[in-house]
């Protein structure tokens, strides 16, 4: 199965459910959304071609980060192109790629990133126990050498803003130079996605449980 099919089982159902319930959910909100949810019908000529592409690959449809990003169509297109590489064409194995996204999503406590990518990580072969440990903000036990170096590399770089010589040497040996660069790229890009989501106060689809509950660390 190629990478483009990895999220196909989630796309249509989640997207339709999310977009279809926006109008019903709006009167119940105590606060107006910072960016009202866009639909394909509302997109202008500059936004629509990209919106149609997004609907084919996004597990959250036009919601999540795409809802605010589409307000800046050129930026949205450049981000789409970058995410297209980092999701479907990167040198990093899908399991490790999704694991790195979960690491960043947990650090940012990003509801949408975790909601969208935890199922994809599981489908890519990341174990339930590792996903549970990541969600609990713990260094997972029982990791393979490649999973362990992915965790250490992404965590050091994102939290310490540096990578130790020992971790870098392990990453280069186990993953190779291109994967080290691509792993850095996906981690940094999803920090940016987490920022967009935080700024716009995007959350999970209406009616769905948020991964991180109020009061949890």
Foldseek 3Di string as FASTA:
>chain_A
DALQCLCQVQQPVQQCLQVVCLVVCQVVDPDHFPQRADDLVPQDPLLNVVLVVCSSRFSNRCAQLNRVQSVPSVSSVVLVVLVCCLRGPALDQNLLSLVLQLLLCLVLVQQVSCVRRVVSNVSSPDDPQCSVCSNLVHRGPPDDLQNNLSNQLSCCCVPVVDHDPVSVVSCCVPPNDRNSVSSVVSNVSSNVSSVSCVVRVGHGGPPDDGSDDPPRD
